[in-house]
């Protein structure tokens, strides 16, 4: 039986924009801006996220240092 579907794997470190050279000198995640490669997801019917790894930080590993967003 044929199901006519495609499975794609796309890895991205963050789903939102990150600025590594922010004016504050910190790595900053912009919670209100999608990453520049988000156009790769257009047309997807189903997306599966595994994000737990990125929210677990310790003193030795700092993936980001600050979160910012604009209030509308």
PDB file of N, CA and C in Angstrom:
ATOM      1  N   UNK A   1       0.842  -1.172   0.000  1.00  0.00           N
ATOM      2  CA  UNK A   1       0.000   0.000   0.000  1.00  0.00           C
ATOM      3  C   UNK A   1       0.892   1.242   0.000  1.00  0.00           C
ATOM      4  N   UNK A   2       0.511   2.259  -0.762  1.00  0.00           N
ATOM      5  CA  UNK A   2       1.285   3.481  -0.875  1.00  0.00           C
ATOM      6  C   UNK A   2       0.574   4.623  -0.151  1.00  0.00           C
ATOM      7  N   UNK A   3       1.352   5.457   0.573  1.00  0.00           N
ATOM      8  CA  UNK A   3       0.764   6.522   1.380  1.00  0.00           C
ATOM      9  C   UNK A   3       1.063   7.922   0.849  1.00  0.00           C
ATOM     10  N   UNK A   4       1.939   8.062  -0.115  1.00  0.00           N
ATOM     11  CA  UNK A   4       2.240   9.341  -0.747  1.00  0.00           C
ATOM     12  C   UNK A   4       2.591  10.435   0.272  1.00  0.00           C
ATOM     13  N   UNK A   5       3.660  10.237   1.007  1.00  0.00           N
ATOM     14  CA  UNK A   5       4.128  11.252   1.945  1.00  0.00           C
ATOM     15  C   UNK A   5       5.650  11.315   1.914  1.00  0.00           C
ATOM     16  N   UNK A   6       6.177  12.389   2.419  1.00  0.00           N
ATOM     17  CA  UNK A   6       7.618  12.609   2.458  1.00  0.00           C
ATOM     18  C   UNK A   6       8.023  12.907   3.895  1.00  0.00           C
ATOM     19  N   UNK A   7       9.123  12.323   4.307  1.00  0.00           N
ATOM     20  CA  UNK A   7       9.689  12.610   5.625  1.00  0.00           C
ATOM     21  C   UNK A   7      10.981  13.379   5.388  1.00  0.00           C
ATOM     22  N   UNK A   8      11.105  14.530   6.041  1.00  0.00           N
ATOM     23  CA  UNK A   8      12.324  15.318   5.942  1.00  0.00           C
ATOM     24  C   UNK A   8      12.886  15.537   7.335  1.00  0.00           C
ATOM     25  N   UNK A   9      14.188  15.542   7.426  1.00  0.00           N
ATOM     26  CA  UNK A   9      14.859  15.838   8.683  1.00  0.00           C
ATOM     27  C   UNK A   9      15.541  17.180   8.521  1.00  0.00           C
ATOM     28  N   UNK A  10      15.275  18.073   9.439  1.00  0.00           N
ATOM     29  CA  UNK A  10      15.901  19.388   9.382  1.00  0.00           C
ATOM     30  C   UNK A  10      16.381  19.738  10.778  1.00  0.00           C
ATOM     31  N   UNK A  11      17.668  19.970  10.901  1.00  0.00           N
ATOM     32  CA  UNK A  11      18.240  20.306  12.197  1.00  0.00           C
ATOM     33  C   UNK A  11      18.472  21.804  12.265  1.00  0.00           C
ATOM     34  N   UNK A  12      18.100  22.395  13.379  1.00  0.00           N
ATOM     35  CA  UNK A  12      18.339  23.811  13.607  1.00  0.00           C
ATOM     36  C   UNK A  12      18.639  24.004  15.085  1.00  0.00           C
ATOM     37  N   UNK A  13      19.690  24.715  15.423  1.00  0.00           N
ATOM     38  CA  UNK A  13      20.012  24.885  16.836  1.00  0.00           C
ATOM     39  C   UNK A  13      18.943  25.662  17.595  1.00  0.00           C
ATOM     40  N   UNK A  14      18.312  26.611  16.925  1.00  0.00           N
ATOM     41  CA  UNK A  14      17.241  27.382  17.541  1.00  0.00           C
ATOM     42  C   UNK A  14      16.162  27.634  16.500  1.00  0.00           C
ATOM     43  N   UNK A  15      14.930  27.694  16.923  1.00  0.00           N
ATOM     44  CA  UNK A  15      13.824  28.006  16.023  1.00  0.00           C
ATOM     45  C   UNK A  15      13.600  29.508  15.934  1.00  0.00           C
ATOM     46  N   UNK A  16      14.271  30.225  16.794  1.00  0.00           N
ATOM     47  CA  UNK A  16      14.164  31.684  16.809  1.00  0.00           C
ATOM     48  C   UNK A  16      15.545  32.282  16.546  1.00  0.00           C
ATOM     49  N   UNK A  17      15.568  33.569  16.307  1.00  0.00           N
ATOM     50  CA  UNK A  17      16.825  34.246  15.973  1.00  0.00           C
ATOM     51  C   UNK A  17      17.746  34.332  17.183  1.00  0.00           C
ATOM     52  N   UNK A  18      19.029  34.121  16.938  1.00  0.00           N
ATOM     53  CA  UNK A  18      20.039  34.312  17.976  1.00  0.00           C
ATOM     54  C   UNK A  18      21.052  35.328  17.470  1.00  0.00           C
ATOM     55  N   UNK A  19      21.434  36.253  18.322  1.00  0.00           N
ATOM     56  CA  UNK A  19      22.476  37.234  18.012  1.00  0.00           C
ATOM     57  C   UNK A  19      23.664  36.912  18.898  1.00  0.00           C
ATOM     58  N   UNK A  20      24.740  36.500  18.274  1.00  0.00           N
ATOM     59  CA  UNK A  20      25.931  36.128  19.046  1.00  0.00           C
ATOM     60  C   UNK A  20      26.771  37.333  19.421  1.00  0.00           C
ATOM     61  N   UNK A  21      26.656  38.420  18.658  1.00  0.00           N
ATOM     62  CA  UNK A  21      27.439  39.635  18.929  1.00  0.00           C
ATOM     63  C   UNK A  21      26.512  40.789  19.281  1.00  0.00           C
ATOM     64  N   UNK A  22      25.657  40.569  20.220  1.00  0.00           N
ATOM     65  CA  UNK A  22      24.699  41.595  20.648  1.00  0.00           C
ATOM     66  C   UNK A  22      25.450  42.757  21.291  1.00  0.00           C
ATOM     67  N   UNK A  23      24.867  43.936  21.229  1.00  0.00           N
ATOM     68  CA  UNK A  23      25.498  45.130  21.816  1.00  0.00           C
ATOM     69  C   UNK A  23      25.800  44.965  23.300  1.00  0.00           C
ATOM     70  N   UNK A  24      25.082  44.051  23.953  1.00  0.00           N
ATOM     71  CA  UNK A  24      25.329  43.802  25.375  1.00  0.00           C
ATOM     72  C   UNK A  24      26.562  42.937  25.599  1.00  0.00           C
ATOM     73  N   UNK A  25      27.083  42.347  24.495  1.00  0.00           N
ATOM     74  CA  UNK A  25      28.226  41.444  24.622  1.00  0.00           C
ATOM     75  C   UNK A  25      27.816  40.022  24.943  1.00  0.00           C
ATOM     76  N   UNK A  26      26.506  39.765  24.963  1.00  0.00           N
ATOM     77  CA  UNK A  26      26.002  38.439  25.305  1.00  0.00           C
ATOM     78  C   UNK A  26      25.384  37.769  24.089  1.00  0.00           C
ATOM     79  N   UNK A  27      25.243  36.443  24.158  1.00  0.00           N
ATOM     80  CA  UNK A  27      24.479  35.703  23.156  1.00  0.00           C
ATOM     81  C   UNK A  27      23.007  35.852  23.524  1.00  0.00           C
ATOM     82  N   UNK A  28      22.217  36.402  22.608  1.00  0.00           N
ATOM     83  CA  UNK A  28      20.841  36.771  22.917  1.00  0.00           C
ATOM     84  C   UNK A  28      19.874  36.017  22.010  1.00  0.00           C
ATOM     85  N   UNK A  29      18.839  35.420  22.605  1.00  0.00           N
ATOM     86  CA  UNK A  29      17.750  34.813  21.841  1.00  0.00           C
ATOM     87  C   UNK A  29      16.623  35.829  21.716  1.00  0.00           C
ATOM     88  N   UNK A  30      16.151  36.052  20.491  1.00  0.00           N
ATOM     89  CA  UNK A  30      15.041  36.973  20.222  1.00  0.00           C
ATOM     90  C   UNK A  30      13.756  36.156  20.141  1.00  0.00           C
ATOM     91  N   UNK A  31      12.967  36.169  21.182  1.00  0.00           N
ATOM     92  CA  UNK A  31      11.783  35.320  21.266  1.00  0.00           C
ATOM     93  C   UNK A  31      10.686  35.716  20.292  1.00  0.00           C
ATOM     94  N   UNK A  32      10.754  36.911  19.741  1.00  0.00           N
ATOM     95  CA  UNK A  32       9.709  37.390  18.831  1.00  0.00           C
ATOM     96  C   UNK A  32      10.117  37.330  17.362  1.00  0.00           C
ATOM     97  N   UNK A  33      11.236  36.679  17.031  1.00  0.00           N
ATOM     98  CA  UNK A  33      11.699  36.590  15.643  1.00  0.00           C
ATOM     99  C   UNK A  33      12.062  35.146  15.304  1.00  0.00           C
ATOM    100  N   UNK A  34      11.471  34.641  14.215  1.00  0.00           N
ATOM    101  CA  UNK A  34      11.831  33.308  13.748  1.00  0.00           C
ATOM    102  C   UNK A  34      13.234  33.318  13.172  1.00  0.00           C
ATOM    103  N   UNK A  35      13.886  32.169  13.218  1.00  0.00           N
ATOM    104  CA  UNK A  35      15.232  32.085  12.663  1.00  0.00           C
ATOM    105  C   UNK A  35      15.184  32.353  11.165  1.00  0.00           C
ATOM    106  N   UNK A  36      16.299  32.782  10.608  1.00  0.00           N
ATOM    107  CA  UNK A  36      16.355  33.127   9.188  1.00  0.00           C
ATOM    108  C   UNK A  36      16.122  31.918   8.289  1.00  0.00           C
ATOM    109  N   UNK A  37      16.316  30.721   8.808  1.00  0.00           N
ATOM    110  CA  UNK A  37      16.089  29.527   7.991  1.00  0.00           C
ATOM    111  C   UNK A  37      14.689  28.936   8.174  1.00  0.00           C
ATOM    112  N   UNK A  38      13.782  29.687   8.759  1.00  0.00           N
ATOM    113  CA  UNK A  38      12.428  29.188   8.989  1.00  0.00           C
ATOM    114  C   UNK A  38      11.650  28.986   7.684  1.00  0.00           C
ATOM    115  N   UNK A  39      12.123  29.573   6.586  1.00  0.00           N
ATOM    116  CA  UNK A  39      11.443  29.356   5.307  1.00  0.00           C
ATOM    117  C   UNK A  39      11.491  27.893   4.875  1.00  0.00           C
ATOM    118  N   UNK A  40      12.372  27.113   5.472  1.00  0.00           N
ATOM    119  CA  UNK A  40      12.463  25.686   5.160  1.00  0.00           C
ATOM    120  C   UNK A  40      11.249  24.918   5.682  1.00  0.00           C
ATOM    121  N   UNK A  41      10.493  25.494   6.594  1.00  0.00           N
ATOM    122  CA  UNK A  41       9.359  24.804   7.206  1.00  0.00           C
ATOM    123  C   UNK A  41       8.041  25.112   6.524  1.00  0.00           C
ATOM    124  N   UNK A  42       8.031  26.080   5.602  1.00  0.00           N
ATOM    125  CA  UNK A  42       6.784  26.465   4.940  1.00  0.00           C
ATOM    126  C   UNK A  42       6.191  25.255   4.227  1.00  0.00           C
ATOM    127  N   UNK A  43       4.913  25.042   4.440  1.00  0.00           N
ATOM    128  CA  UNK A  43       4.223  23.941   3.787  1.00  0.00           C
ATOM    129  C   UNK A  43       4.244  22.639   4.559  1.00  0.00           C
ATOM    130  N   UNK A  44       4.927  22.614   5.685  1.00  0.00           N
ATOM    131  CA  UNK A  44       4.961  21.386   6.479  1.00  0.00           C
ATOM    132  C   UNK A  44       3.593  21.141   7.114  1.00  0.00           C
ATOM    133  N   UNK A  45       3.127  19.913   7.041  1.00  0.00           N
ATOM    134  CA  UNK A  45       1.851  19.553   7.664  1.00  0.00           C
ATOM    135  C   UNK A  45       2.039  19.168   9.129  1.00  0.00           C
ATOM    136  N   UNK A  46       3.175  18.551   9.426  1.00  0.00           N
ATOM    137  CA  UNK A  46       3.465  18.107  10.789  1.00  0.00           C
ATOM    138  C   UNK A  46       4.916  18.434  11.097  1.00  0.00           C
ATOM    139  N   UNK A  47       5.143  18.987  12.285  1.00  0.00           N
ATOM    140  CA  UNK A  47       6.509  19.243  12.733  1.00  0.00           C
ATOM    141  C   UNK A  47       6.681  18.614  14.112  1.00  0.00           C
ATOM    142  N   UNK A  48       7.818  17.989  14.330  1.00  0.00           N
ATOM    143  CA  UNK A  48       8.120  17.355  15.611  1.00  0.00           C
ATOM    144  C   UNK A  48       9.324  18.075  16.199  1.00  0.00           C
ATOM    145  N   UNK A  49       9.190  18.503  17.438  1.00  0.00           N
ATOM    146  CA  UNK A  49      10.261  19.253  18.089  1.00  0.00           C
ATOM    147  C   UNK A  49      10.827  18.448  19.250  1.00  0.00           C
ATOM    148  N   UNK A  50      12.129  18.501  19.389  1.00  0.00           N
ATOM    149  CA  UNK A  50      12.814  17.932  20.537  1.00  0.00           C
ATOM    150  C   UNK A  50      13.685  19.048  21.090  1.00  0.00           C
ATOM    151  N   UNK A  51      13.145  19.824  22.001  1.00  0.00           N
ATOM    152  CA  UNK A  51      13.847  21.033  22.430  1.00  0.00           C
ATOM    153  C   UNK A  51      14.379  20.983  23.854  1.00  0.00           C
ATOM    154  N   UNK A  52      14.093  19.964  24.586  1.00  0.00           N
ATOM    155  CA  UNK A  52      14.490  19.914  25.992  1.00  0.00           C
ATOM    156  C   UNK A  52      15.970  20.124  26.219  1.00  0.00           C
ATOM    157  N   UNK A  53      16.782  19.613  25.327  1.00  0.00           N
ATOM    158  CA  UNK A  53      18.232  19.717  25.457  1.00  0.00           C
ATOM    159  C   UNK A  53      18.690  21.164  25.526  1.00  0.00           C
ATOM    160  N   UNK A  54      18.044  22.057  24.773  1.00  0.00           N
ATOM    161  CA  UNK A  54      18.490  23.435  24.681  1.00  0.00           C
ATOM    162  C   UNK A  54      18.141  24.267  25.906  1.00  0.00           C
ATOM    163  N   UNK A  55      17.170  23.838  26.668  1.00  0.00           N
ATOM    164  CA  UNK A  55      16.763  24.632  27.831  1.00  0.00           C
ATOM    165  C   UNK A  55      17.527  24.228  29.081  1.00  0.00           C
ATOM    166  N   UNK A  56      18.247  23.126  28.995  1.00  0.00           N
ATOM    167  CA  UNK A  56      19.040  22.676  30.134  1.00  0.00           C
ATOM    168  C   UNK A  56      20.449  23.242  30.006  1.00  0.00           C
ATOM    169  N   UNK A  57      20.757  24.193  30.820  1.00  0.00           N
ATOM    170  CA  UNK A  57      22.086  24.799  30.807  1.00  0.00           C
ATOM    171  C   UNK A  57      22.732  24.592  32.172  1.00  0.00           C
ATOM    172  N   UNK A  58      24.035  24.626  32.175  1.00  0.00           N
ATOM    173  CA  UNK A  58      24.746  24.590  33.451  1.00  0.00           C
ATOM    174  C   UNK A  58      25.879  25.606  33.395  1.00  0.00           C
ATOM    175  N   UNK A  59      26.712  25.623  34.391  1.00  0.00           N
ATOM    176  CA  UNK A  59      27.774  26.630  34.468  1.00  0.00           C
ATOM    177  C   UNK A  59      28.806  26.480  33.350  1.00  0.00           C
ATOM    178  N   UNK A  60      28.974  25.268  32.829  1.00  0.00           N
ATOM    179  CA  UNK A  60      29.992  25.013  31.808  1.00  0.00           C
ATOM    180  C   UNK A  60      29.478  25.232  30.386  1.00  0.00           C
ATOM    181  N   UNK A  61      28.200  25.083  30.175  1.00  0.00           N
ATOM    182  CA  UNK A  61      27.623  25.200  28.834  1.00  0.00           C
ATOM    183  C   UNK A  61      26.579  26.311  28.832  1.00  0.00           C
ATOM    184  N   UNK A  62      26.841  27.353  28.070  1.00  0.00           N
ATOM    185  CA  UNK A  62      25.904  28.474  27.943  1.00  0.00           C
ATOM    186  C   UNK A  62      25.561  28.648  26.469  1.00  0.00           C
ATOM    187  N   UNK A  63      24.422  28.123  26.059  1.00  0.00           N
ATOM    188  CA  UNK A  63      24.000  28.251  24.669  1.00  0.00           C
ATOM    189  C   UNK A  63      23.485  29.655  24.376  1.00  0.00           C
ATOM    190  N   UNK A  64      22.972  30.307  25.380  1.00  0.00           N
ATOM    191  CA  UNK A  64      22.532  31.695  25.281  1.00  0.00           C
ATOM    192  C   UNK A  64      22.668  32.302  26.672  1.00  0.00           C
ATOM    193  N   UNK A  65      22.678  33.625  26.732  1.00  0.00           N
ATOM    194  CA  UNK A  65      22.851  34.290  28.014  1.00  0.00           C
ATOM    195  C   UNK A  65      21.706  35.231  28.360  1.00  0.00           C
ATOM    196  N   UNK A  66      20.876  35.541  27.360  1.00  0.00           N
ATOM    197  CA  UNK A  66      19.823  36.522  27.576  1.00  0.00           C
ATOM    198  C   UNK A  66      18.664  36.245  26.622  1.00  0.00           C
ATOM    199  N   UNK A  67      17.441  36.491  27.071  1.00  0.00           N
ATOM    200  CA  UNK A  67      16.247  36.383  26.237  1.00  0.00           C
ATOM    201  C   UNK A  67      15.624  37.756  26.117  1.00  0.00           C
ATOM    202  N   UNK A  68      15.269  38.174  24.891  1.00  0.00           N
ATOM    203  CA  UNK A  68      14.603  39.449  24.731  1.00  0.00           C
ATOM    204  C   UNK A  68      13.400  39.294  23.803  1.00  0.00           C
ATOM    205  N   UNK A  69      12.428  40.170  23.933  1.00  0.00           N
ATOM    206  CA  UNK A  69      11.265  40.210  23.048  1.00  0.00           C
ATOM    207  C   UNK A  69      10.639  41.572  23.130  1.00  0.00           C
ATOM    208  N   UNK A  70       9.903  41.930  22.070  1.00  0.00           N
ATOM    209  CA  UNK A  70       9.219  43.210  22.036  1.00  0.00           C
ATOM    210  C   UNK A  70       7.789  43.001  22.545  1.00  0.00           C
ATOM    211  N   UNK A  71       7.317  43.920  23.334  1.00  0.00           N
ATOM    212  CA  UNK A  71       5.934  43.893  23.808  1.00  0.00           C
ATOM    213  C   UNK A  71       5.128  44.771  22.872  1.00  0.00           C
ATOM    214  N   UNK A  72       4.058  44.215  22.322  1.00  0.00           N
ATOM    215  CA  UNK A  72       3.233  44.961  21.360  1.00  0.00           C
ATOM    216  C   UNK A  72       2.080  45.645  22.035  1.00  0.00           C
TER     217      UNK A  72
END
